[in-house]
Structure formats: structure tokens, C-alpha cells
Amino acid sequence: MAYDEGLAGRLRDLLDQEPAVDGHELTEKKMFGGLAFLVGGNMAVAASGQGGILVRVDPAEGDELVATTAAHPMEMRGRSMSGWLRVDHDDVADDATLATWVRRGASYAAGLPPK
């Protein structure tokens, strides 16, 4: 399954308006069958090739976000990836919810050392 181009466009639009991105280079890169958005060279959020989005978060906040939101841990080859969450397409259908996830991923990525 290819990533959802409409969802990628929504991510792009939100990132263009995201204050955390100011002063950081915003780039796009095809990765893992999806389209990743990098802030300062660090992946922040992606339109997933499996549907929905992938979001980079502070690993210390991951368990709480899984418990209190529609997110679930991202798994790669059967292993849960600390600091990465998956949010299904239906759970980011409205712009306000998607913006919250974009802000969370962009803020975390912007706080990492640039690559």
C-alpha cells in the first residue's frame, strides 16, 4: 500500500505553519513505504505506507500517550520502537487532532541535535 497523498499534503500544510519548525530545515524523504517529514534532519512525522501516520515522541511520554490517546506503539519486525507511535487514518481524520500530533512530533524533532 502506498502512503496517502492527501494525508501527506495535510501534514505538509500543518508543518509549514508549525512554530517549532521555524529556524529548522524542513525536508521530505520517502522512507519505509511512506513519506517522512524531517525537522533539522530528524524525522518528526510521516504519512505511513500502512495507512495513518507515524509520530516521533519523547520515549518517556510514549506509554502515557498510548494509554490516553488513540495511538499505539510502532512495531518494526515484531519489535516495539520506543519513541515512535502509530496513529490510524480514522484517528487523524479531523484537522485539529492531526495538528496535535504534528505539533508533538515537530516539537520533539526540533529539540534534537540537527543532523
PDB file of N, CA and C in Angstrom:
ATOM      1  N   MET A   1       0.845  -1.183   0.000  1.00  0.00           N
ATOM      2  CA  MET A   1       0.000   0.000   0.000  1.00  0.00           C
ATOM      3  C   MET A   1       0.889   1.245   0.000  1.00  0.00           C
ATOM      4  N   ALA A   2       0.636   2.148  -0.890  1.00  0.00           N
ATOM      5  CA  ALA A   2       1.361   3.421  -0.929  1.00  0.00           C
ATOM      6  C   ALA A   2       0.775   4.365   0.114  1.00  0.00           C
ATOM      7  N   TYR A   3       1.556   5.331   0.527  1.00  0.00           N
ATOM      8  CA  TYR A   3       1.061   6.296   1.510  1.00  0.00           C
ATOM      9  C   TYR A   3      -0.041   7.153   0.885  1.00  0.00           C
ATOM     10  N   ASP A   4      -0.862   7.709   1.736  1.00  0.00           N
ATOM     11  CA  ASP A   4      -1.991   8.541   1.342  1.00  0.00           C
ATOM     12  C   ASP A   4      -1.479   9.947   0.999  1.00  0.00           C
ATOM     13  N   GLU A   5      -1.529  10.307  -0.277  1.00  0.00           N
ATOM     14  CA  GLU A   5      -1.010  11.601  -0.728  1.00  0.00           C
ATOM     15  C   GLU A   5      -1.805  12.769  -0.132  1.00  0.00           C
ATOM     16  N   GLY A   6      -3.098  12.577   0.061  1.00  0.00           N
ATOM     17  CA  GLY A   6      -3.907  13.625   0.677  1.00  0.00           C
ATOM     18  C   GLY A   6      -3.479  13.879   2.117  1.00  0.00           C
ATOM     19  N   LEU A   7      -3.218  12.806   2.841  1.00  0.00           N
ATOM     20  CA  LEU A   7      -2.748  12.925   4.219  1.00  0.00           C
ATOM     21  C   LEU A   7      -1.361  13.580   4.236  1.00  0.00           C
ATOM     22  N   ALA A   8      -0.502  13.199   3.309  1.00  0.00           N
ATOM     23  CA  ALA A   8       0.828  13.817   3.222  1.00  0.00           C
ATOM     24  C   ALA A   8       0.702  15.321   2.975  1.00  0.00           C
ATOM     25  N   GLY A   9      -0.230  15.717   2.137  1.00  0.00           N
ATOM     26  CA  GLY A   9      -0.460  17.137   1.881  1.00  0.00           C
ATOM     27  C   GLY A   9      -0.934  17.872   3.119  1.00  0.00           C
ATOM     28  N   ARG A  10      -1.801  17.234   3.894  1.00  0.00           N
ATOM     29  CA  ARG A  10      -2.266  17.843   5.137  1.00  0.00           C
ATOM     30  C   ARG A  10      -1.107  17.996   6.124  1.00  0.00           C
ATOM     31  N   LEU A  11      -0.244  16.975   6.209  1.00  0.00           N
ATOM     32  CA  LEU A  11       0.923  17.059   7.083  1.00  0.00           C
ATOM     33  C   LEU A  11       1.829  18.212   6.642  1.00  0.00           C
ATOM     34  N   ARG A  12       2.074  18.298   5.356  1.00  0.00           N
ATOM     35  CA  ARG A  12       2.924  19.355   4.794  1.00  0.00           C
ATOM     36  C   ARG A  12       2.370  20.739   5.153  1.00  0.00           C
ATOM     37  N   ASP A  13       1.073  20.916   4.952  1.00  0.00           N
ATOM     38  CA  ASP A  13       0.436  22.207   5.246  1.00  0.00           C
ATOM     39  C   ASP A  13       0.562  22.568   6.727  1.00  0.00           C
ATOM     40  N   LEU A  14       0.337  21.589   7.597  1.00  0.00           N
ATOM     41  CA  LEU A  14       0.433  21.848   9.033  1.00  0.00           C
ATOM     42  C   LEU A  14       1.872  22.152   9.445  1.00  0.00           C
ATOM     43  N   LEU A  15       2.824  21.427   8.888  1.00  0.00           N
ATOM     44  CA  LEU A  15       4.224  21.666   9.229  1.00  0.00           C
ATOM     45  C   LEU A  15       4.694  23.035   8.748  1.00  0.00           C
ATOM     46  N   ASP A  16       4.167  23.482   7.620  1.00  0.00           N
ATOM     47  CA  ASP A  16       4.524  24.816   7.117  1.00  0.00           C
ATOM     48  C   ASP A  16       4.078  25.913   8.074  1.00  0.00           C
ATOM     49  N   GLN A  17       3.086  25.636   8.906  1.00  0.00           N
ATOM     50  CA  GLN A  17       2.553  26.613   9.858  1.00  0.00           C
ATOM     51  C   GLN A  17       3.040  26.378  11.287  1.00  0.00           C
ATOM     52  N   GLU A  18       3.790  25.310  11.490  1.00  0.00           N
ATOM     53  CA  GLU A  18       4.176  24.899  12.844  1.00  0.00           C
ATOM     54  C   GLU A  18       5.334  25.746  13.387  1.00  0.00           C
ATOM     55  N   PRO A  19       5.119  26.477  14.493  1.00  0.00           N
ATOM     56  CA  PRO A  19       6.180  27.317  15.063  1.00  0.00           C
ATOM     57  C   PRO A  19       7.451  26.550  15.425  1.00  0.00           C
ATOM     58  N   ALA A  20       7.345  25.290  15.838  1.00  0.00           N
ATOM     59  CA  ALA A  20       8.526  24.511  16.222  1.00  0.00           C
ATOM     60  C   ALA A  20       9.483  24.319  15.056  1.00  0.00           C
ATOM     61  N   VAL A  21       8.979  24.426  13.833  1.00  0.00           N
ATOM     62  CA  VAL A  21       9.811  24.219  12.644  1.00  0.00           C
ATOM     63  C   VAL A  21      10.631  25.464  12.326  1.00  0.00           C
ATOM     64  N   ASP A  22      10.169  26.634  12.765  1.00  0.00           N
ATOM     65  CA  ASP A  22      10.880  27.886  12.472  1.00  0.00           C
ATOM     66  C   ASP A  22      12.351  27.769  12.864  1.00  0.00           C
ATOM     67  N   GLY A  23      13.225  28.146  11.955  1.00  0.00           N
ATOM     68  CA  GLY A  23      14.658  28.093  12.203  1.00  0.00           C
ATOM     69  C   GLY A  23      15.276  26.734  11.939  1.00  0.00           C
ATOM     70  N   HIS A  24      14.473  25.760  11.568  1.00  0.00           N
ATOM     71  CA  HIS A  24      14.950  24.417  11.251  1.00  0.00           C
ATOM     72  C   HIS A  24      14.609  24.096   9.799  1.00  0.00           C
ATOM     73  N   GLU A  25      15.484  23.353   9.161  1.00  0.00           N
ATOM     74  CA  GLU A  25      15.200  22.921   7.802  1.00  0.00           C
ATOM     75  C   GLU A  25      14.124  21.839   7.825  1.00  0.00           C
ATOM     76  N   LEU A  26      13.103  21.997   6.997  1.00  0.00           N
ATOM     77  CA  LEU A  26      12.047  21.005   6.853  1.00  0.00           C
ATOM     78  C   LEU A  26      12.264  20.290   5.528  1.00  0.00           C
ATOM     79  N   THR A  27      12.425  18.980   5.597  1.00  0.00           N
ATOM     80  CA  THR A  27      12.643  18.193   4.384  1.00  0.00           C
ATOM     81  C   THR A  27      11.685  17.014   4.354  1.00  0.00           C
ATOM     82  N   GLU A  28      11.516  16.466   3.172  1.00  0.00           N
ATOM     83  CA  GLU A  28      10.681  15.287   2.967  1.00  0.00           C
ATOM     84  C   GLU A  28      11.554  14.182   2.401  1.00  0.00           C
ATOM     85  N   LYS A  29      11.260  12.958   2.822  1.00  0.00           N
ATOM     86  CA  LYS A  29      12.044  11.822   2.342  1.00  0.00           C
ATOM     87  C   LYS A  29      11.165  10.579   2.325  1.00  0.00           C
ATOM     88  N   LYS A  30      11.187   9.868   1.222  1.00  0.00           N
ATOM     89  CA  LYS A  30      10.450   8.605   1.154  1.00  0.00           C
ATOM     90  C   LYS A  30      11.200   7.568   1.983  1.00  0.00           C
ATOM     91  N   MET A  31      10.493   6.994   2.938  1.00  0.00           N
ATOM     92  CA  MET A  31      11.078   6.007   3.849  1.00  0.00           C
ATOM     93  C   MET A  31      10.019   4.989   4.243  1.00  0.00           C
ATOM     94  N   PHE A  32      10.407   3.756   4.363  1.00  0.00           N
ATOM     95  CA  PHE A  32       9.537   2.699   4.883  1.00  0.00           C
ATOM     96  C   PHE A  32       8.194   2.632   4.164  1.00  0.00           C
ATOM     97  N   GLY A  33       8.177   2.917   2.874  1.00  0.00           N
ATOM     98  CA  GLY A  33       6.942   2.873   2.107  1.00  0.00           C
ATOM     99  C   GLY A  33       6.044   4.078   2.313  1.00  0.00           C
ATOM    100  N   GLY A  34       6.528   5.069   3.035  1.00  0.00           N
ATOM    101  CA  GLY A  34       5.743   6.268   3.309  1.00  0.00           C
ATOM    102  C   GLY A  34       6.525   7.514   2.966  1.00  0.00           C
ATOM    103  N   LEU A  35       6.012   8.652   3.400  1.00  0.00           N
ATOM    104  CA  LEU A  35       6.677   9.928   3.185  1.00  0.00           C
ATOM    105  C   LEU A  35       6.937  10.557   4.549  1.00  0.00           C
ATOM    106  N   ALA A  36       8.222  10.662   4.892  1.00  0.00           N
ATOM    107  CA  ALA A  36       8.628  11.207   6.182  1.00  0.00           C
ATOM    108  C   ALA A  36       8.918  12.695   6.062  1.00  0.00           C
ATOM    109  N   PHE A  37       8.619  13.421   7.127  1.00  0.00           N
ATOM    110  CA  PHE A  37       8.921  14.838   7.228  1.00  0.00           C
ATOM    111  C   PHE A  37       9.950  14.993   8.338  1.00  0.00           C
ATOM    112  N   LEU A  38      11.076  15.599   7.977  1.00  0.00           N
ATOM    113  CA  LEU A  38      12.187  15.750   8.896  1.00  0.00           C
ATOM    114  C   LEU A  38      12.373  17.212   9.269  1.00  0.00           C
ATOM    115  N   VAL A  39      12.591  17.443  10.545  1.00  0.00           N
ATOM    116  CA  VAL A  39      12.841  18.786  11.068  1.00  0.00           C
ATOM    117  C   VAL A  39      14.287  18.794  11.544  1.00  0.00           C
ATOM    118  N   GLY A  40      15.118  19.606  10.901  1.00  0.00           N
ATOM    119  CA  GLY A  40      16.531  19.629  11.248  1.00  0.00           C
ATOM    120  C   GLY A  40      17.212  18.295  11.021  1.00  0.00           C
ATOM    121  N   GLY A  41      16.718  17.535  10.069  1.00  0.00           N
ATOM    122  CA  GLY A  41      17.289  16.225   9.754  1.00  0.00           C
ATOM    123  C   GLY A  41      16.762  15.086  10.602  1.00  0.00           C
ATOM    124  N   ASN A  42      15.890  15.376  11.555  1.00  0.00           N
ATOM    125  CA  ASN A  42      15.311  14.361  12.436  1.00  0.00           C
ATOM    126  C   ASN A  42      13.861  14.108  12.042  1.00  0.00           C
ATOM    127  N   MET A  43      13.521  12.838  11.860  1.00  0.00           N
ATOM    128  CA  MET A  43      12.153  12.520  11.481  1.00  0.00           C
ATOM    129  C   MET A  43      11.188  12.951  12.578  1.00  0.00           C
ATOM    130  N   ALA A  44      10.128  13.649  12.169  1.00  0.00           N
ATOM    131  CA  ALA A  44       9.119  14.154  13.112  1.00  0.00           C
ATOM    132  C   ALA A  44       7.811  13.402  12.969  1.00  0.00           C
ATOM    133  N   VAL A  45       7.367  13.242  11.726  1.00  0.00           N
ATOM    134  CA  VAL A  45       6.083  12.617  11.438  1.00  0.00           C
ATOM    135  C   VAL A  45       6.146  12.070  10.020  1.00  0.00           C
ATOM    136  N   ALA A  46       5.319  11.069   9.740  1.00  0.00           N
ATOM    137  CA  ALA A  46       5.305  10.501   8.396  1.00  0.00           C
ATOM    138  C   ALA A  46       3.909  10.035   8.030  1.00  0.00           C
ATOM    139  N   ALA A  47       3.594  10.159   6.751  1.00  0.00           N
ATOM    140  CA  ALA A  47       2.407   9.503   6.198  1.00  0.00           C
ATOM    141  C   ALA A  47       2.855   8.071   5.944  1.00  0.00           C
ATOM    142  N   SER A  48       2.274   7.145   6.659  1.00  0.00           N
ATOM    143  CA  SER A  48       2.729   5.758   6.624  1.00  0.00           C
ATOM    144  C   SER A  48       2.244   5.018   5.391  1.00  0.00           C
ATOM    145  N   GLY A  49       3.082   4.176   4.869  1.00  0.00           N
ATOM    146  CA  GLY A  49       2.703   3.302   3.770  1.00  0.00           C
ATOM    147  C   GLY A  49       1.682   2.253   4.190  1.00  0.00           C
ATOM    148  N   GLN A  50       1.488   2.089   5.497  1.00  0.00           N
ATOM    149  CA  GLN A  50       0.496   1.150   6.020  1.00  0.00           C
ATOM    150  C   GLN A  50      -0.786   1.862   6.426  1.00  0.00           C
ATOM    151  N   GLY A  51      -0.865   3.163   6.105  1.00  0.00           N
ATOM    152  CA  GLY A  51      -2.031   3.958   6.476  1.00  0.00           C
ATOM    153  C   GLY A  51      -1.778   4.721   7.755  1.00  0.00           C
ATOM    154  N   GLY A  52      -2.427   5.844   7.890  1.00  0.00           N
ATOM    155  CA  GLY A  52      -2.265   6.667   9.082  1.00  0.00           C
ATOM    156  C   GLY A  52      -0.917   7.343   9.121  1.00  0.00           C
ATOM    157  N   ILE A  53      -0.496   7.694  10.338  1.00  0.00           N
ATOM    158  CA  ILE A  53       0.769   8.408  10.495  1.00  0.00           C
ATOM    159  C   ILE A  53       1.668   7.713  11.507  1.00  0.00           C
ATOM    160  N   LEU A  54       2.948   8.010  11.380  1.00  0.00           N
ATOM    161  CA  LEU A  54       3.945   7.664  12.385  1.00  0.00           C
ATOM    162  C   LEU A  54       4.376   8.981  13.011  1.00  0.00           C
ATOM    163  N   VAL A  55       4.539   8.991  14.320  1.00  0.00           N
ATOM    164  CA  VAL A  55       4.906  10.213  15.028  1.00  0.00           C
ATOM    165  C   VAL A  55       6.062   9.912  15.964  1.00  0.00           C
ATOM    166  N   ARG A  56       7.068  10.789  15.927  1.00  0.00           N
ATOM    167  CA  ARG A  56       8.181  10.664  16.852  1.00  0.00           C
ATOM    168  C   ARG A  56       7.852  11.457  18.108  1.00  0.00           C
ATOM    169  N   VAL A  57       7.993  10.811  19.260  1.00  0.00           N
ATOM    170  CA  VAL A  57       7.677  11.446  20.543  1.00  0.00           C
ATOM    171  C   VAL A  57       8.794  11.173  21.534  1.00  0.00           C
ATOM    172  N   ASP A  58       8.783  11.915  22.611  1.00  0.00           N
ATOM    173  CA  ASP A  58       9.719  11.658  23.698  1.00  0.00           C
ATOM    174  C   ASP A  58       9.448  10.245  24.214  1.00  0.00           C
ATOM    175  N   PRO A  59      10.453   9.366  24.212  1.00  0.00           N
ATOM    176  CA  PRO A  59      10.215   7.995  24.682  1.00  0.00           C
ATOM    177  C   PRO A  59       9.630   7.932  26.090  1.00  0.00           C
ATOM    178  N   ALA A  60       9.938   8.915  26.938  1.00  0.00           N
ATOM    179  CA  ALA A  60       9.406   8.929  28.304  1.00  0.00           C
ATOM    180  C   ALA A  60       7.904   9.182  28.326  1.00  0.00           C
ATOM    181  N   GLU A  61       7.343   9.714  27.240  1.00  0.00           N
ATOM    182  CA  GLU A  61       5.911  10.014  27.176  1.00  0.00           C
ATOM    183  C   GLU A  61       5.118   8.953  26.405  1.00  0.00           C
ATOM    184  N   GLY A  62       5.806   8.030  25.768  1.00  0.00           N
ATOM    185  CA  GLY A  62       5.149   7.058  24.900  1.00  0.00           C
ATOM    186  C   GLY A  62       4.066   6.234  25.577  1.00  0.00           C
ATOM    187  N   ASP A  63       4.359   5.650  26.735  1.00  0.00           N
ATOM    188  CA  ASP A  63       3.371   4.800  27.409  1.00  0.00           C
ATOM    189  C   ASP A  63       2.125   5.591  27.794  1.00  0.00           C
ATOM    190  N   GLU A  64       2.316   6.803  28.282  1.00  0.00           N
ATOM    191  CA  GLU A  64       1.164   7.633  28.664  1.00  0.00           C
ATOM    192  C   GLU A  64       0.322   7.987  27.438  1.00  0.00           C
ATOM    193  N   LEU A  65       0.971   8.317  26.322  1.00  0.00           N
ATOM    194  CA  LEU A  65       0.232   8.648  25.101  1.00  0.00           C
ATOM    195  C   LEU A  65      -0.549   7.440  24.581  1.00  0.00           C
ATOM    196  N   VAL A  66       0.035   6.268  24.682  1.00  0.00           N
ATOM    197  CA  VAL A  66      -0.676   5.056  24.264  1.00  0.00           C
ATOM    198  C   VAL A  66      -1.891   4.819  25.157  1.00  0.00           C
ATOM    199  N   ALA A  67      -1.750   5.093  26.450  1.00  0.00           N
ATOM    200  CA  ALA A  67      -2.845   4.875  27.393  1.00  0.00           C
ATOM    201  C   ALA A  67      -3.953   5.915  27.271  1.00  0.00           C
ATOM    202  N   THR A  68      -3.630   7.137  26.812  1.00  0.00           N
ATOM    203  CA  THR A  68      -4.602   8.226  26.855  1.00  0.00           C
ATOM    204  C   THR A  68      -5.068   8.730  25.489  1.00  0.00           C
ATOM    205  N   THR A  69      -4.532   8.172  24.417  1.00  0.00           N
ATOM    206  CA  THR A  69      -4.912   8.602  23.067  1.00  0.00           C
ATOM    207  C   THR A  69      -5.193   7.370  22.204  1.00  0.00           C
ATOM    208  N   ALA A  70      -5.474   7.623  20.948  1.00  0.00           N
ATOM    209  CA  ALA A  70      -5.729   6.524  20.004  1.00  0.00           C
ATOM    210  C   ALA A  70      -4.442   5.930  19.438  1.00  0.00           C
ATOM    211  N   ALA A  71      -3.293   6.448  19.860  1.00  0.00           N
ATOM    212  CA  ALA A  71      -2.006   5.962  19.339  1.00  0.00           C
ATOM    213  C   ALA A  71      -1.683   4.582  19.887  1.00  0.00           C
ATOM    214  N   HIS A  72      -0.875   3.870  19.129  1.00  0.00           N
ATOM    215  CA  HIS A  72      -0.322   2.609  19.612  1.00  0.00           C
ATOM    216  C   HIS A  72       1.140   2.542  19.211  1.00  0.00           C
ATOM    217  N   PRO A  73       1.906   1.690  19.890  1.00  0.00           N
ATOM    218  CA  PRO A  73       3.337   1.644  19.606  1.00  0.00           C
ATOM    219  C   PRO A  73       3.606   1.236  18.155  1.00  0.00           C
ATOM    220  N   MET A  74       4.607   1.850  17.571  1.00  0.00           N
ATOM    221  CA  MET A  74       5.041   1.447  16.245  1.00  0.00           C
ATOM    222  C   MET A  74       5.868   0.174  16.401  1.00  0.00           C
ATOM    223  N   GLU A  75       5.595  -0.783  15.535  1.00  0.00           N
ATOM    224  CA  GLU A  75       6.364  -2.020  15.560  1.00  0.00           C
ATOM    225  C   GLU A  75       7.091  -2.195  14.242  1.00  0.00           C
ATOM    226  N   MET A  76       8.321  -2.648  14.333  1.00  0.00           N
ATOM    227  CA  MET A  76       9.106  -2.958  13.152  1.00  0.00           C
ATOM    228  C   MET A  76       9.710  -4.335  13.367  1.00  0.00           C
ATOM    229  N   ARG A  77       9.373  -5.235  12.467  1.00  0.00           N
ATOM    230  CA  ARG A  77       9.843  -6.627  12.557  1.00  0.00           C
ATOM    231  C   ARG A  77       9.506  -7.254  13.903  1.00  0.00           C
ATOM    232  N   GLY A  78       8.294  -6.959  14.380  1.00  0.00           N
ATOM    233  CA  GLY A  78       7.816  -7.554  15.615  1.00  0.00           C
ATOM    234  C   GLY A  78       8.316  -6.898  16.889  1.00  0.00           C
ATOM    235  N   ARG A  79       9.110  -5.838  16.759  1.00  0.00           N
ATOM    236  CA  ARG A  79       9.632  -5.142  17.937  1.00  0.00           C
ATOM    237  C   ARG A  79       9.002  -3.769  18.064  1.00  0.00           C
ATOM    238  N   SER A  80       8.590  -3.444  19.262  1.00  0.00           N
ATOM    239  CA  SER A  80       8.060  -2.112  19.542  1.00  0.00           C
ATOM    240  C   SER A  80       9.214  -1.121  19.515  1.00  0.00           C
ATOM    241  N   MET A  81       8.995   0.014  18.849  1.00  0.00           N
ATOM    242  CA  MET A  81      10.039   1.029  18.695  1.00  0.00           C
ATOM    243  C   MET A  81       9.788   2.161  19.697  1.00  0.00           C
ATOM    244  N   SER A  82      10.621   2.263  20.711  1.00  0.00           N
ATOM    245  CA  SER A  82      10.484   3.298  21.727  1.00  0.00           C
ATOM    246  C   SER A  82      10.598   4.678  21.089  1.00  0.00           C
ATOM    247  N   GLY A  83       9.667   5.560  21.432  1.00  0.00           N
ATOM    248  CA  GLY A  83       9.695   6.922  20.914  1.00  0.00           C
ATOM    249  C   GLY A  83       8.982   7.095  19.585  1.00  0.00           C
ATOM    250  N   TRP A  84       8.357   6.043  19.106  1.00  0.00           N
ATOM    251  CA  TRP A  84       7.618   6.103  17.837  1.00  0.00           C
ATOM    252  C   TRP A  84       6.226   5.552  18.046  1.00  0.00           C
ATOM    253  N   LEU A  85       5.228   6.304  17.583  1.00  0.00           N
ATOM    254  CA  LEU A  85       3.840   5.880  17.712  1.00  0.00           C
ATOM    255  C   LEU A  85       3.175   5.847  16.345  1.00  0.00           C
ATOM    256  N   ARG A  86       2.184   5.007  16.228  1.00  0.00           N
ATOM    257  CA  ARG A  86       1.357   4.915  15.024  1.00  0.00           C
ATOM    258  C   ARG A  86      -0.042   5.387  15.387  1.00  0.00           C
ATOM    259  N   VAL A  87      -0.611   6.219  14.526  1.00  0.00           N
ATOM    260  CA  VAL A  87      -1.984   6.681  14.712  1.00  0.00           C
ATOM    261  C   VAL A  87      -2.731   6.360  13.427  1.00  0.00           C
ATOM    262  N   ASP A  88      -3.802   5.605  13.543  1.00  0.00           N
ATOM    263  CA  ASP A  88      -4.558   5.160  12.373  1.00  0.00           C
ATOM    264  C   ASP A  88      -5.217   6.320  11.636  1.00  0.00           C
ATOM    265  N   HIS A  89      -5.462   6.107  10.368  1.00  0.00           N
ATOM    266  CA  HIS A  89      -6.032   7.124   9.481  1.00  0.00           C
ATOM    267  C   HIS A  89      -7.322   7.716  10.046  1.00  0.00           C
ATOM    268  N   ASP A  90      -8.229   6.880  10.498  1.00  0.00           N
ATOM    269  CA  ASP A  90      -9.509   7.378  11.016  1.00  0.00           C
ATOM    270  C   ASP A  90      -9.332   8.261  12.251  1.00  0.00           C
ATOM    271  N   ASP A  91      -8.237   8.046  12.975  1.00  0.00           N
ATOM    272  CA  ASP A  91      -7.994   8.805  14.204  1.00  0.00           C
ATOM    273  C   ASP A  91      -7.334  10.157  13.956  1.00  0.00           C
ATOM    274  N   VAL A  92      -6.991  10.442  12.704  1.00  0.00           N
ATOM    275  CA  VAL A  92      -6.452  11.765  12.347  1.00  0.00           C
ATOM    276  C   VAL A  92      -7.263  12.377  11.211  1.00  0.00           C
ATOM    277  N   ALA A  93      -8.527  11.981  11.127  1.00  0.00           N
ATOM    278  CA  ALA A  93      -9.397  12.472  10.059  1.00  0.00           C
ATOM    279  C   ALA A  93      -9.694  13.967  10.222  1.00  0.00           C
ATOM    280  N   ASP A  94      -9.771  14.451  11.462  1.00  0.00           N
ATOM    281  CA  ASP A  94     -10.055  15.881  11.639  1.00  0.00           C
ATOM    282  C   ASP A  94      -8.742  16.640  11.812  1.00  0.00           C
ATOM    283  N   ASP A  95      -8.733  17.867  11.320  1.00  0.00           N
ATOM    284  CA  ASP A  95      -7.511  18.670  11.293  1.00  0.00           C
ATOM    285  C   ASP A  95      -6.979  18.994  12.686  1.00  0.00           C
ATOM    286  N   ALA A  96      -7.842  19.198  13.653  1.00  0.00           N
ATOM    287  CA  ALA A  96      -7.379  19.548  14.999  1.00  0.00           C
ATOM    288  C   ALA A  96      -6.579  18.405  15.619  1.00  0.00           C
ATOM    289  N   THR A  97      -7.058  17.186  15.458  1.00  0.00           N
ATOM    290  CA  THR A  97      -6.345  16.040  16.007  1.00  0.00           C
ATOM    291  C   THR A  97      -5.025  15.831  15.282  1.00  0.00           C
ATOM    292  N   LEU A  98      -5.053  15.936  13.954  1.00  0.00           N
ATOM    293  CA  LEU A  98      -3.820  15.785  13.185  1.00  0.00           C
ATOM    294  C   LEU A  98      -2.817  16.861  13.591  1.00  0.00           C
ATOM    295  N   ALA A  99      -3.286  18.103  13.769  1.00  0.00           N
ATOM    296  CA  ALA A  99      -2.398  19.203  14.162  1.00  0.00           C
ATOM    297  C   ALA A  99      -1.739  18.934  15.509  1.00  0.00           C
ATOM    298  N   THR A 100      -2.462  18.323  16.427  1.00  0.00           N
ATOM    299  CA  THR A 100      -1.896  17.997  17.737  1.00  0.00           C
ATOM    300  C   THR A 100      -0.736  17.025  17.585  1.00  0.00           C
ATOM    301  N   TRP A 101      -0.920  16.006  16.756  1.00  0.00           N
ATOM    302  CA  TRP A 101       0.154  15.028  16.540  1.00  0.00           C
ATOM    303  C   TRP A 101       1.329  15.648  15.797  1.00  0.00           C
ATOM    304  N   VAL A 102       1.051  16.486  14.825  1.00  0.00           N
ATOM    305  CA  VAL A 102       2.121  17.160  14.078  1.00  0.00           C
ATOM    306  C   VAL A 102       2.928  18.043  15.030  1.00  0.00           C
ATOM    307  N   ARG A 103       2.259  18.791  15.857  1.00  0.00           N
ATOM    308  CA  ARG A 103       2.936  19.664  16.820  1.00  0.00           C
ATOM    309  C   ARG A 103       3.816  18.848  17.757  1.00  0.00           C
ATOM    310  N   ARG A 104       3.291  17.728  18.227  1.00  0.00           N
ATOM    311  CA  ARG A 104       4.043  16.868  19.151  1.00  0.00           C
ATOM    312  C   ARG A 104       5.314  16.340  18.467  1.00  0.00           C
ATOM    313  N   GLY A 105       5.173  15.818  17.246  1.00  0.00           N
ATOM    314  CA  GLY A 105       6.336  15.274  16.537  1.00  0.00           C
ATOM    315  C   GLY A 105       7.337  16.341  16.142  1.00  0.00           C
ATOM    316  N   ALA A 106       6.845  17.478  15.643  1.00  0.00           N
ATOM    317  CA  ALA A 106       7.738  18.560  15.216  1.00  0.00           C
ATOM    318  C   ALA A 106       8.491  19.150  16.403  1.00  0.00           C
ATOM    319  N   SER A 107       7.815  19.322  17.516  1.00  0.00           N
ATOM    320  CA  SER A 107       8.461  19.883  18.703  1.00  0.00           C
ATOM    321  C   SER A 107       9.562  18.967  19.214  1.00  0.00           C
ATOM    322  N   TYR A 108       9.282  17.671  19.242  1.00  0.00           N
ATOM    323  CA  TYR A 108      10.303  16.740  19.721  1.00  0.00           C
ATOM    324  C   TYR A 108      11.496  16.714  18.764  1.00  0.00           C
ATOM    325  N   ALA A 109      11.243  16.617  17.471  1.00  0.00           N
ATOM    326  CA  ALA A 109      12.323  16.564  16.491  1.00  0.00           C
ATOM    327  C   ALA A 109      13.147  17.850  16.501  1.00  0.00           C
ATOM    328  N   ALA A 110      12.478  18.996  16.655  1.00  0.00           N
ATOM    329  CA  ALA A 110      13.181  20.283  16.683  1.00  0.00           C
ATOM    330  C   ALA A 110      14.094  20.412  17.888  1.00  0.00           C
ATOM    331  N   GLY A 111      13.786  19.696  18.962  1.00  0.00           N
ATOM    332  CA  GLY A 111      14.595  19.741  20.178  1.00  0.00           C
ATOM    333  C   GLY A 111      15.803  18.828  20.142  1.00  0.00           C
ATOM    334  N   LEU A 112      15.918  18.004  19.115  1.00  0.00           N
ATOM    335  CA  LEU A 112      17.070  17.098  18.979  1.00  0.00           C
ATOM    336  C   LEU A 112      18.204  17.823  18.260  1.00  0.00           C
ATOM    337  N   PRO A 113      19.443  17.382  18.477  1.00  0.00           N
ATOM    338  CA  PRO A 113      20.551  17.984  17.733  1.00  0.00           C
ATOM    339  C   PRO A 113      20.333  17.802  16.228  1.00  0.00           C
ATOM    340  N   PRO A 114      20.575  18.858  15.435  1.00  0.00           N
ATOM    341  CA  PRO A 114      20.388  18.726  13.985  1.00  0.00           C
ATOM    342  C   PRO A 114      21.378  17.729  13.389  1.00  0.00           C
ATOM    343  N   LYS A 115      20.937  17.094  12.316  1.00  0.00           N
ATOM    344  CA  LYS A 115      21.806  16.126  11.624  1.00  0.00           C
ATOM    345  C   LYS A 115      22.338  16.756  10.367  1.00  0.00           C
TER     346      LYS A 115
END
